[in-house]
C-alpha atoms as a PDB file:
ATOM      1  CA  MET A   1      13.177 -15.087  32.005  1.00  0.00           C
ATOM      2  CA  SER A   2      15.294 -16.323  29.314  1.00  0.00           C
ATOM      3  CA  ARG A   3      14.752 -19.206  27.557  1.00  0.00           C
ATOM      4  CA  ARG A   4      17.380 -22.183  27.205  1.00  0.00           C
ATOM      5  CA  LEU A   5      16.973 -23.009  23.587  1.00  0.00           C
ATOM      6  CA  PRO A   6      19.344 -24.637  21.412  1.00  0.00           C
ATOM      7  CA  PRO A   7      19.949 -23.326  17.357  1.00  0.00           C
ATOM      8  CA  LEU A   8      16.897 -23.994  15.494  1.00  0.00           C
ATOM      9  CA  ASN A   9      19.210 -25.104  12.742  1.00  0.00           C
ATOM     10  CA  ALA A  10      20.238 -28.219  14.932  1.00  0.00           C
ATOM     11  CA  LEU A  11      16.741 -28.448  16.116  1.00  0.00           C
ATOM     12  CA  ARG A  12      15.963 -28.923  12.832  1.00  0.00           C
ATOM     13  CA  ALA A  13      18.737 -32.051  11.413  1.00  0.00           C
ATOM     14  CA  PHE A  14      17.755 -33.602  15.104  1.00  0.00           C
ATOM     15  CA  GLU A  15      14.153 -33.984  13.900  1.00  0.00           C
ATOM     16  CA  ALA A  16      14.336 -35.158  10.132  1.00  0.00           C
ATOM     17  CA  ALA A  17      16.801 -37.323  10.690  1.00  0.00           C
ATOM     18  CA  ALA A  18      14.827 -38.905  13.811  1.00  0.00           C
ATOM     19  CA  ARG A  19      12.034 -39.280  11.629  1.00  0.00           C
ATOM     20  CA  HIS A  20      13.981 -40.276   9.022  1.00  0.00           C
ATOM     21  CA  LEU A  21      16.030 -42.170  11.299  1.00  0.00           C
ATOM     22  CA  SER A  22      18.777 -41.013   8.329  1.00  0.00           C
ATOM     23  CA  PHE A  23      21.530 -37.988   8.152  1.00  0.00           C
ATOM     24  CA  THR A  24      21.684 -38.875   4.224  1.00  0.00           C
ATOM     25  CA  LYS A  25      17.448 -38.606   3.944  1.00  0.00           C
ATOM     26  CA  ALA A  26      17.342 -34.976   6.325  1.00  0.00           C
ATOM     27  CA  ALA A  27      20.227 -34.001   4.026  1.00  0.00           C
ATOM     28  CA  GLU A  28      18.239 -34.307   1.307  1.00  0.00           C
ATOM     29  CA  GLU A  29      15.204 -33.025   3.044  1.00  0.00           C
ATOM     30  CA  LEU A  30      16.656 -29.890   4.151  1.00  0.00           C
ATOM     31  CA  HIS A  31      18.593 -29.101   0.760  1.00  0.00           C
ATOM     32  CA  VAL A  32      21.991 -29.311   2.773  1.00  0.00           C
ATOM     33  CA  THR A  33      24.807 -31.918   2.800  1.00  0.00           C
ATOM     34  CA  GLN A  34      25.210 -35.028   4.565  1.00  0.00           C
ATOM     35  CA  ALA A  35      28.346 -34.077   6.478  1.00  0.00           C
ATOM     36  CA  ALA A  36      25.997 -29.806   7.088  1.00  0.00           C
ATOM     37  CA  VAL A  37      23.402 -32.557   9.363  1.00  0.00           C
ATOM     38  CA  SER A  38      25.766 -34.468  11.323  1.00  0.00           C
ATOM     39  CA  HIS A  39      27.509 -31.422  12.097  1.00  0.00           C
ATOM     40  CA  GLN A  40      24.179 -29.564  12.792  1.00  0.00           C
ATOM     41  CA  ILE A  41      23.541 -33.006  15.789  1.00  0.00           C
ATOM     42  CA  LYS A  42      26.935 -32.955  16.703  1.00  0.00           C
ATOM     43  CA  ALA A  43      26.314 -29.532  18.002  1.00  0.00           C
ATOM     44  CA  LEU A  44      22.614 -30.520  19.389  1.00  0.00           C
ATOM     45  CA  GLU A  45      25.162 -33.027  21.360  1.00  0.00           C
ATOM     46  CA  GLU A  46      27.721 -31.449  22.460  1.00  0.00           C
ATOM     47  CA  TRP A  47      25.457 -27.970  24.087  1.00  0.00           C
ATOM     48  CA  LEU A  48      22.578 -30.938  25.215  1.00  0.00           C
ATOM     49  CA  GLY A  49      25.822 -33.195  27.013  1.00  0.00           C
ATOM     50  CA  LEU A  50      23.831 -36.402  25.884  1.00  0.00           C
ATOM     51  CA  PRO A  51      23.942 -38.353  22.666  1.00  0.00           C
ATOM     52  CA  LEU A  52      20.931 -38.658  20.630  1.00  0.00           C
ATOM     53  CA  PHE A  53      21.830 -41.024  17.712  1.00  0.00           C
ATOM     54  CA  ARG A  54      23.678 -44.088  18.463  1.00  0.00           C
ATOM     55  CA  ARG A  55      25.694 -44.324  15.093  1.00  0.00           C
ATOM     56  CA  MET A  56      25.702 -48.303  13.424  1.00  0.00           C
ATOM     57  CA  ASN A  57      27.332 -49.535  10.663  1.00  0.00           C
ATOM     58  CA  ARG A  58      24.752 -49.096   8.365  1.00  0.00           C
ATOM     59  CA  ALA A  59      22.302 -47.943  10.942  1.00  0.00           C
ATOM     60  CA  LEU A  60      20.836 -44.821  13.343  1.00  0.00           C
ATOM     61  CA  ALA A  61      18.946 -45.644  16.005  1.00  0.00           C
ATOM     62  CA  LEU A  62      18.167 -42.870  19.126  1.00  0.00           C
ATOM     63  CA  THR A  63      18.972 -43.503  21.862  1.00  0.00           C
ATOM     64  CA  GLU A  64      16.757 -43.632  25.623  1.00  0.00           C
ATOM     65  CA  ALA A  65      17.034 -39.216  25.677  1.00  0.00           C
ATOM     66  CA  GLY A  66      16.922 -39.056  22.331  1.00  0.00           C
ATOM     67  CA  GLN A  67      13.584 -40.359  22.115  1.00  0.00           C
ATOM     68  CA  SER A  68      12.536 -38.958  24.587  1.00  0.00           C
ATOM     69  CA  TYR A  69      13.688 -35.542  23.332  1.00  0.00           C
ATOM     70  CA  LEU A  70      11.729 -35.981  19.559  1.00  0.00           C
ATOM     71  CA  PRO A  71       8.475 -35.465  20.829  1.00  0.00           C
ATOM     72  CA  PRO A  72       8.091 -32.464  22.062  1.00  0.00           C
ATOM     73  CA  VAL A  73      10.208 -30.864  19.969  1.00  0.00           C
ATOM     74  CA  ARG A  74       8.579 -32.342  16.804  1.00  0.00           C
ATOM     75  CA  GLU A  75       5.046 -30.619  18.190  1.00  0.00           C
ATOM     76  CA  ALA A  76       7.836 -27.098  18.689  1.00  0.00           C
ATOM     77  CA  MET A  77       8.748 -28.259  14.910  1.00  0.00           C
ATOM     78  CA  ASP A  78       4.412 -28.232  13.948  1.00  0.00           C
ATOM     79  CA  THR A  79       3.402 -25.724  15.812  1.00  0.00           C
ATOM     80  CA  LEU A  80       6.328 -23.181  14.662  1.00  0.00           C
ATOM     81  CA  SER A  81       5.059 -24.444  11.238  1.00  0.00           C
ATOM     82  CA  GLN A  82       1.120 -24.122  11.525  1.00  0.00           C
ATOM     83  CA  ALA A  83       2.030 -20.398  12.723  1.00  0.00           C
ATOM     84  CA  THR A  84       3.893 -19.395  10.562  1.00  0.00           C
ATOM     85  CA  ASP A  85       1.516 -20.949   7.420  1.00  0.00           C
ATOM     86  CA  ARG A  86      -1.402 -18.318   9.404  1.00  0.00           C
ATOM     87  CA  LEU A  87       0.921 -15.524   8.873  1.00  0.00           C
ATOM     88  CA  ILE A  88       2.051 -16.064   5.578  1.00  0.00           C
ATOM     89  CA  ARG A  89      -2.441 -16.981   4.716  1.00  0.00           C
ATOM     90  CA  ALA A  90      -3.420 -13.841   6.850  1.00  0.00           C
ATOM     91  CA  ASP A  91      -0.369 -11.395   4.254  1.00  0.00           C
ATOM     92  CA  SER A  92      -2.377 -13.089   1.457  1.00  0.00           C
ATOM     93  CA  SER A  93      -5.842 -12.275   2.704  1.00  0.00           C
ATOM     94  CA  GLY A  94      -7.211 -10.604   5.860  1.00  0.00           C
ATOM     95  CA  THR A  95      -7.186  -7.139   5.973  1.00  0.00           C
ATOM     96  CA  LEU A  96      -4.652  -4.171   3.855  1.00  0.00           C
ATOM     97  CA  THR A  97      -5.190  -1.047   4.907  1.00  0.00           C
ATOM     98  CA  ILE A  98      -4.122   1.939   2.524  1.00  0.00           C
ATOM     99  CA  SER A  99      -3.854   5.219   4.066  1.00  0.00           C
ATOM    100  CA  THR A 100      -4.451   8.259   2.101  1.00  0.00           C
ATOM    101  CA  MET A 101      -6.038  11.270   1.395  1.00  0.00           C
ATOM    102  CA  PRO A 102      -9.267  12.118   2.530  1.00  0.00           C
ATOM    103  CA  SER A 103      -9.628  14.298  -1.353  1.00  0.00           C
ATOM    104  CA  PHE A 104      -8.038  10.818  -3.582  1.00  0.00           C
ATOM    105  CA  ALA A 105      -9.792   8.098  -1.307  1.00  0.00           C
ATOM    106  CA  SER A 106     -13.099   9.579  -2.234  1.00  0.00           C
ATOM    107  CA  LYS A 107     -12.876  11.163  -5.374  1.00  0.00           C
ATOM    108  CA  TRP A 108     -10.741   8.177  -7.316  1.00  0.00           C
ATOM    109  CA  LEU A 109     -10.082   5.409  -4.942  1.00  0.00           C
ATOM    110  CA  VAL A 110     -13.165   4.378  -3.526  1.00  0.00           C
ATOM    111  CA  PRO A 111     -15.605   4.590  -6.945  1.00  0.00           C
ATOM    112  CA  ARG A 112     -12.457   1.915  -8.087  1.00  0.00           C
ATOM    113  CA  LEU A 113     -12.670  -0.112  -4.710  1.00  0.00           C
ATOM    114  CA  VAL A 114     -15.511  -2.772  -5.844  1.00  0.00           C
ATOM    115  CA  ARG A 115     -13.265  -3.778  -8.906  1.00  0.00           C
ATOM    116  CA  PHE A 116     -10.536  -4.946  -7.264  1.00  0.00           C
ATOM    117  CA  GLN A 117     -12.937  -6.524  -4.442  1.00  0.00           C
ATOM    118  CA  LYS A 118     -14.696  -8.539  -6.785  1.00  0.00           C
ATOM    119  CA  ARG A 119     -10.965  -9.592  -8.531  1.00  0.00           C
ATOM    120  CA  HIS A 120     -10.052 -10.728  -4.770  1.00  0.00           C
ATOM    121  CA  PRO A 121     -12.723 -11.095  -2.535  1.00  0.00           C
ATOM    122  CA  ASP A 122     -11.108 -12.961   0.157  1.00  0.00           C
ATOM    123  CA  MET A 123      -9.550  -9.724   1.172  1.00  0.00           C
ATOM    124  CA  ASP A 124     -11.143  -6.383   3.320  1.00  0.00           C
ATOM    125  CA  VAL A 125      -9.666  -3.270   2.045  1.00  0.00           C
ATOM    126  CA  ARG A 126     -10.090  -0.415   4.540  1.00  0.00           C
ATOM    127  CA  VAL A 127      -9.109   2.807   4.389  1.00  0.00           C
ATOM    128  CA  HIS A 128      -7.108   5.166   7.032  1.00  0.00           C
ATOM    129  CA  SER A 129      -8.085   8.754   5.386  1.00  0.00           C
ATOM    130  CA  THR A 130      -5.525  11.095   6.234  1.00  0.00           C
ATOM    131  CA  ALA A 131      -3.193  14.539   5.515  1.00  0.00           C
ATOM    132  CA  GLN A 132      -0.590  13.730   7.399  1.00  0.00           C
ATOM    133  CA  VAL A 133       1.887  11.060   5.808  1.00  0.00           C
ATOM    134  CA  VAL A 134       1.977   8.090   7.848  1.00  0.00           C
ATOM    135  CA  ASP A 135       4.873   6.444   9.834  1.00  0.00           C
ATOM    136  CA  PHE A 136       4.899   3.081   9.083  1.00  0.00           C
ATOM    137  CA  ALA A 137       6.719   2.341  11.683  1.00  0.00           C
ATOM    138  CA  ARG A 138       4.061   3.675  14.238  1.00  0.00           C
ATOM    139  CA  HIS A 139       1.059   2.760  12.453  1.00  0.00           C
ATOM    140  CA  ASP A 140      -0.237  -0.697  10.785  1.00  0.00           C
ATOM    141  CA  VAL A 141      -0.688   0.328   7.583  1.00  0.00           C
ATOM    142  CA  ASP A 142       0.296  -1.578   4.336  1.00  0.00           C
ATOM    143  CA  LEU A 143       0.375   0.960   1.909  1.00  0.00           C
ATOM    144  CA  ALA A 144       0.476   4.631   1.232  1.00  0.00           C
ATOM    145  CA  ILE A 145      -0.595   6.793  -1.669  1.00  0.00           C
ATOM    146  CA  ARG A 146       0.561  10.471  -1.680  1.00  0.00           C
ATOM    147  CA  PHE A 147       0.922  13.312  -3.487  1.00  0.00           C
ATOM    148  CA  GLY A 148       3.610  15.810  -3.186  1.00  0.00           C
ATOM    149  CA  ASN A 149       7.488  15.670  -4.838  1.00  0.00           C
ATOM    150  CA  GLY A 150       8.155  12.044  -4.173  1.00  0.00           C
ATOM    151  CA  LEU A 151      10.527  12.720  -1.124  1.00  0.00           C
ATOM    152  CA  TRP A 152       9.891  10.719   1.204  1.00  0.00           C
ATOM    153  CA  PRO A 153      13.786   9.150   2.959  1.00  0.00           C
ATOM    154  CA  ASP A 154      13.989   5.953   3.238  1.00  0.00           C
ATOM    155  CA  LEU A 155      10.850   4.344   1.967  1.00  0.00           C
ATOM    156  CA  ARG A 156      10.139   2.587  -1.760  1.00  0.00           C
ATOM    157  CA  VAL A 157       8.654   5.804  -4.152  1.00  0.00           C
ATOM    158  CA  GLU A 158       6.872   4.738  -6.692  1.00  0.00           C
ATOM    159  CA  ARG A 159       4.673   7.334  -9.673  1.00  0.00           C
ATOM    160  CA  LEU A 160       1.236   6.520  -9.721  1.00  0.00           C
ATOM    161  CA  LEU A 161      -0.875   9.091 -11.489  1.00  0.00           C
ATOM    162  CA  THR A 162       0.728  13.038 -12.394  1.00  0.00           C
ATOM    163  CA  GLU A 163      -2.270  15.301 -13.942  1.00  0.00           C
ATOM    164  CA  ASP A 164      -3.202  18.651 -15.280  1.00  0.00           C
ATOM    165  CA  ILE A 165      -4.659  21.671 -13.388  1.00  0.00           C
ATOM    166  CA  PHE A 166      -7.586  23.932 -15.041  1.00  0.00           C
ATOM    167  CA  PRO A 167     -11.346  25.162 -13.725  1.00  0.00           C
ATOM    168  CA  VAL A 168     -14.532  23.609 -13.292  1.00  0.00           C
ATOM    169  CA  GLY A 169     -18.304  24.280 -12.365  1.00  0.00           C
ATOM    170  CA  HIS A 170     -22.034  23.060 -13.130  1.00  0.00           C
ATOM    171  CA  PRO A 171     -22.534  23.106 -16.284  1.00  0.00           C
ATOM    172  CA  SER A 172     -25.126  25.149 -15.758  1.00  0.00           C
ATOM    173  CA  LEU A 173     -22.782  28.136 -15.844  1.00  0.00           C
ATOM    174  CA  LEU A 174     -22.323  27.387 -18.881  1.00  0.00           C
ATOM    175  CA  SER A 175     -25.928  30.056 -19.279  1.00  0.00           C
ATOM    176  CA  GLY A 176     -28.094  31.495 -17.486  1.00  0.00           C
ATOM    177  CA  LYS A 177     -27.626  35.390 -16.567  1.00  0.00           C
ATOM    178  CA  ARG A 178     -24.269  36.407 -16.780  1.00  0.00           C
ATOM    179  CA  PRO A 179     -23.019  32.798 -18.618  1.00  0.00           C
ATOM    180  CA  LEU A 180     -19.719  30.810 -18.440  1.00  0.00           C
ATOM    181  CA  VAL A 181     -17.696  31.839 -22.232  1.00  0.00           C
ATOM    182  CA  ASN A 182     -14.670  33.362 -21.955  1.00  0.00           C
ATOM    183  CA  PRO A 183     -11.779  33.523 -18.573  1.00  0.00           C
ATOM    184  CA  GLU A 184     -12.438  37.108 -18.164  1.00  0.00           C
ATOM    185  CA  ASP A 185     -16.143  36.053 -17.472  1.00  0.00           C
ATOM    186  CA  LEU A 186     -14.621  34.883 -14.022  1.00  0.00           C
ATOM    187  CA  ARG A 187     -14.691  38.392 -12.735  1.00  0.00           C
ATOM    188  CA  HIS A 188     -18.552  37.625 -12.299  1.00  0.00           C
ATOM    189  CA  HIS A 189     -19.227  34.057 -10.629  1.00  0.00           C
ATOM    190  CA  THR A 190     -17.815  33.056  -7.131  1.00  0.00           C
ATOM    191  CA  LEU A 191     -14.247  31.687  -7.048  1.00  0.00           C
ATOM    192  CA  LEU A 192     -13.499  27.429  -4.873  1.00  0.00           C
ATOM    193  CA  HIS A 193     -10.293  27.364  -3.227  1.00  0.00           C
ATOM    194  CA  ASP A 194      -7.990  24.633  -1.282  1.00  0.00           C
ATOM    195  CA  ASP A 195      -4.539  24.510   0.021  1.00  0.00           C
ATOM    196  CA  TYR A 196      -3.431  21.841  -2.698  1.00  0.00           C
ATOM    197  CA  ASN A 197      -3.671  23.628  -6.029  1.00  0.00           C
ATOM    198  CA  ILE A 198      -2.123  26.309  -8.522  1.00  0.00           C
ATOM    199  CA  SER A 199      -3.788  29.456  -7.045  1.00  0.00           C
ATOM    200  CA  TRP A 200      -6.137  31.350  -8.776  1.00  0.00           C
ATOM    201  CA  ALA A 201      -3.817  34.692  -9.002  1.00  0.00           C
ATOM    202  CA  VAL A 202      -0.991  31.850 -10.933  1.00  0.00           C
ATOM    203  CA  TRP A 203      -3.996  31.146 -13.667  1.00  0.00           C
ATOM    204  CA  CYS A 204      -5.128  33.951 -14.359  1.00  0.00           C
ATOM    205  CA  ARG A 205      -1.081  35.619 -14.915  1.00  0.00           C
ATOM    206  CA  VAL A 206      -1.140  32.500 -17.561  1.00  0.00           C
ATOM    207  CA  ALA A 207      -4.598  32.941 -19.089  1.00  0.00           C
ATOM    208  CA  GLY A 208      -3.591  36.284 -19.543  1.00  0.00           C
ATOM    209  CA  ILE A 209      -6.406  37.472 -18.086  1.00  0.00           C
ATOM    210  CA  ASP A 210      -7.030  40.293 -15.169  1.00  0.00           C
ATOM    211  CA  GLY A 211      -9.636  42.069 -13.497  1.00  0.00           C
ATOM    212  CA  VAL A 212     -10.879  39.778 -11.504  1.00  0.00           C
ATOM    213  CA  ASP A 213     -10.465  39.251  -8.056  1.00  0.00           C
ATOM    214  CA  THR A 214      -8.454  36.025  -6.948  1.00  0.00           C
ATOM    215  CA  GLU A 215      -8.514  36.495  -3.484  1.00  0.00           C
ATOM    216  CA  ARG A 216     -11.821  36.178  -3.389  1.00  0.00           C
ATOM    217  CA  GLY A 217     -14.703  33.541  -2.584  1.00  0.00           C
ATOM    218  CA  LEU A 218     -14.806  30.341  -0.853  1.00  0.00           C
ATOM    219  CA  ARG A 219     -11.708  28.384   1.112  1.00  0.00           C
ATOM    220  CA  PHE A 220     -11.554  24.670   1.612  1.00  0.00           C
ATOM    221  CA  ASP A 221      -8.927  22.774   3.576  1.00  0.00           C
ATOM    222  CA  ASP A 222      -9.197  19.722   1.100  1.00  0.00           C
ATOM    223  CA  SER A 223     -10.061  19.779  -2.058  1.00  0.00           C
ATOM    224  CA  SER A 224     -13.218  16.824  -1.853  1.00  0.00           C
ATOM    225  CA  PHE A 225     -15.048  19.958  -0.192  1.00  0.00           C
ATOM    226  CA  THR A 226     -13.912  22.458  -3.116  1.00  0.00           C
ATOM    227  CA  LEU A 227     -15.356  20.182  -5.672  1.00  0.00           C
ATOM    228  CA  GLN A 228     -17.753  18.995  -3.993  1.00  0.00           C
ATOM    229  CA  ALA A 229     -19.089  23.354  -4.154  1.00  0.00           C
ATOM    230  CA  ALA A 230     -18.232  23.123  -7.656  1.00  0.00           C
ATOM    231  CA  ILE A 231     -20.878  20.716  -8.229  1.00  0.00           C
ATOM    232  CA  ASN A 232     -23.730  21.582  -5.860  1.00  0.00           C
ATOM    233  CA  GLY A 233     -23.125  25.381  -8.225  1.00  0.00           C
ATOM    234  CA  HIS A 234     -21.508  27.480  -5.386  1.00  0.00           C
ATOM    235  CA  GLY A 235     -18.495  28.689  -7.043  1.00  0.00           C
ATOM    236  CA  ILE A 236     -15.934  27.621  -9.696  1.00  0.00           C
ATOM    237  CA  ALA A 237     -12.724  25.462  -8.667  1.00  0.00           C
ATOM    238  CA  LEU A 238      -8.908  24.916  -9.902  1.00  0.00           C
ATOM    239  CA  ALA A 239      -9.203  20.968 -10.328  1.00  0.00           C
ATOM    240  CA  ARG A 240      -6.756  18.372 -10.428  1.00  0.00           C
ATOM    241  CA  GLY A 241      -7.091  16.448 -13.601  1.00  0.00           C
ATOM    242  CA  VAL A 242      -7.297  12.664 -11.335  1.00  0.00           C
ATOM    243  CA  LEU A 243     -10.000  14.451  -9.239  1.00  0.00           C
ATOM    244  CA  VAL A 244     -11.881  15.614 -11.455  1.00  0.00           C
ATOM    245  CA  ALA A 245     -12.502  12.669 -14.409  1.00  0.00           C
ATOM    246  CA  ASP A 246     -15.373  10.845 -12.893  1.00  0.00           C
ATOM    247  CA  ASP A 247     -17.722  13.668 -12.385  1.00  0.00           C
ATOM    248  CA  ILE A 248     -16.668  15.204 -15.810  1.00  0.00           C
ATOM    249  CA  ALA A 249     -17.794  12.031 -17.334  1.00  0.00           C
ATOM    250  CA  ALA A 250     -21.095  11.636 -15.475  1.00  0.00           C
ATOM    251  CA  GLY A 251     -21.030  15.285 -16.181  1.00  0.00           C
ATOM    252  CA  ARG A 252     -21.624  16.878 -12.664  1.00  0.00           C
ATOM    253  CA  LEU A 253     -18.873  18.914 -13.874  1.00  0.00           C
ATOM    254  CA  VAL A 254     -17.455  20.393 -16.764  1.00  0.00           C
ATOM    255  CA  ARG A 255     -14.883  22.119 -17.675  1.00  0.00           C
ATOM    256  CA  LEU A 256     -14.080  25.403 -18.335  1.00  0.00           C
ATOM    257  CA  PHE A 257     -12.018  27.288 -20.799  1.00  0.00           C
ATOM    258  CA  ASP A 258      -8.193  25.932 -23.163  1.00  0.00           C
ATOM    259  CA  VAL A 259      -6.302  26.951 -20.123  1.00  0.00           C
ATOM    260  CA  ARG A 260      -4.822  24.041 -18.387  1.00  0.00           C
ATOM    261  CA  LEU A 261      -1.422  23.722 -16.291  1.00  0.00           C
ATOM    262  CA  PRO A 262       1.284  21.489 -15.450  1.00  0.00           C
ATOM    263  CA  GLY A 263       1.206  20.115 -11.537  1.00  0.00           C
ATOM    264  CA  SER A 264       4.204  20.323  -9.924  1.00  0.00           C
ATOM    265  CA  LEU A 265       3.267  17.321  -7.785  1.00  0.00           C
ATOM    266  CA  ALA A 266       1.922  13.802  -8.659  1.00  0.00           C
ATOM    267  CA  TYR A 267       0.455  10.514  -6.583  1.00  0.00           C
ATOM    268  CA  TYR A 268       2.514   8.292  -5.345  1.00  0.00           C
ATOM    269  CA  VAL A 269       2.297   4.614  -4.273  1.00  0.00           C
ATOM    270  CA  VAL A 270       5.055   4.620  -0.753  1.00  0.00           C
ATOM    271  CA  ALA A 271       6.095   2.131   1.754  1.00  0.00           C
ATOM    272  CA  PRO A 272       9.472   0.388   2.402  1.00  0.00           C
ATOM    273  CA  GLN A 273      10.886  -1.355   0.463  1.00  0.00           C
ATOM    274  CA  HIS A 274      10.366  -5.272   1.706  1.00  0.00           C
ATOM    275  CA  TYR A 275       6.375  -3.978   2.088  1.00  0.00           C
ATOM    276  CA  PHE A 276       6.170  -4.909  -1.892  1.00  0.00           C
ATOM    277  CA  SER A 277       7.376  -8.536  -1.814  1.00  0.00           C
ATOM    278  CA  ARG A 278       4.005  -9.014   0.362  1.00  0.00           C
ATOM    279  CA  PRO A 279       0.858 -10.799  -1.632  1.00  0.00           C
ATOM    280  CA  LYS A 280      -1.518  -9.040  -0.477  1.00  0.00           C
ATOM    281  CA  VAL A 281       0.324  -5.380  -0.510  1.00  0.00           C
ATOM    282  CA  LYS A 282       1.814  -6.854  -4.263  1.00  0.00           C
ATOM    283  CA  ALA A 283      -1.655  -6.555  -5.072  1.00  0.00           C
ATOM    284  CA  PHE A 284      -3.232  -3.818  -4.941  1.00  0.00           C
ATOM    285  CA  TYR A 285      -0.042  -2.271  -6.344  1.00  0.00           C
ATOM    286  CA  ASP A 286      -0.983  -4.341  -9.163  1.00  0.00           C
ATOM    287  CA  TRP A 287      -4.317  -3.596  -9.480  1.00  0.00           C
ATOM    288  CA  LEU A 288      -3.394   0.594  -8.706  1.00  0.00           C
ATOM    289  CA  PHE A 289      -1.213   0.765 -11.406  1.00  0.00           C
ATOM    290  CA  GLU A 290      -4.076  -1.177 -13.849  1.00  0.00           C
ATOM    291  CA  GLU A 291      -6.099   1.388 -12.893  1.00  0.00           C
ATOM    292  CA  ALA A 292      -4.203   4.178 -13.529  1.00  0.00           C
ATOM    293  CA  GLY A 293      -3.060   3.230 -16.720  1.00  0.00           C
ATOM    294  CA  ALA A 294      -6.632   3.111 -17.980  1.00  0.00           C
ATOM    295  CA  VAL A 295      -7.296   6.892 -16.880  1.00  0.00           C
END
């Protein structure tokens, strides 16, 4: 059923003028001219087909129609104002949904989230981990952190982190029966592979070594699984520096050899342009880049 509703600006002008019984004071409150208020009210009276004010010399009074119309208009304006305030408050706190890859979530984002929560205790963060690029039009997501070339049309894209790629392994592999001293020693160890890194064949070519079967080893479809296998001592992984920084600092992994390759991809913060002005999104965005700057 269609609603018969007059223009909102006309209702605002009527409610303010009726409250003050003054077009001048209503104009000051609404930050418009007195002529604009007078025009809006005249248009409303014509739309209704009823006079709402009695215009007297230096005075203004409500007609009977105006007196009966004011309470429901005021109630409707109050309801709309309260609903708007609730919506804005909810967007300043409440739940913030972040979409990112499982590997980035587990190895970089989640270990740091406690610092964001301490700074914004009134905001709950929901991490939606997926390898798929989120569709903001279909999914309830406030911000995405993606790994790629930065080409996502119709979205604002901000580069967050770049990285190098290098081999890592459990510290115990530096000693023992076949210690990893030189890149050539890789032929005696299991290679770990995932779908998001430069291949071992490329790394070995740049390192100038041969005799290593770069196709053998264990394969995973997510970098976090690859790195966990390396932490457990099951082989050597080609790691993205961002994802292993904490593991290296904690001694769970060690960087091997001196050959590192620049990654051709990077981590980006992605969302529709207007999302970035929302208070809770801006708070998380600012915190993210602060954390990234500390890496």
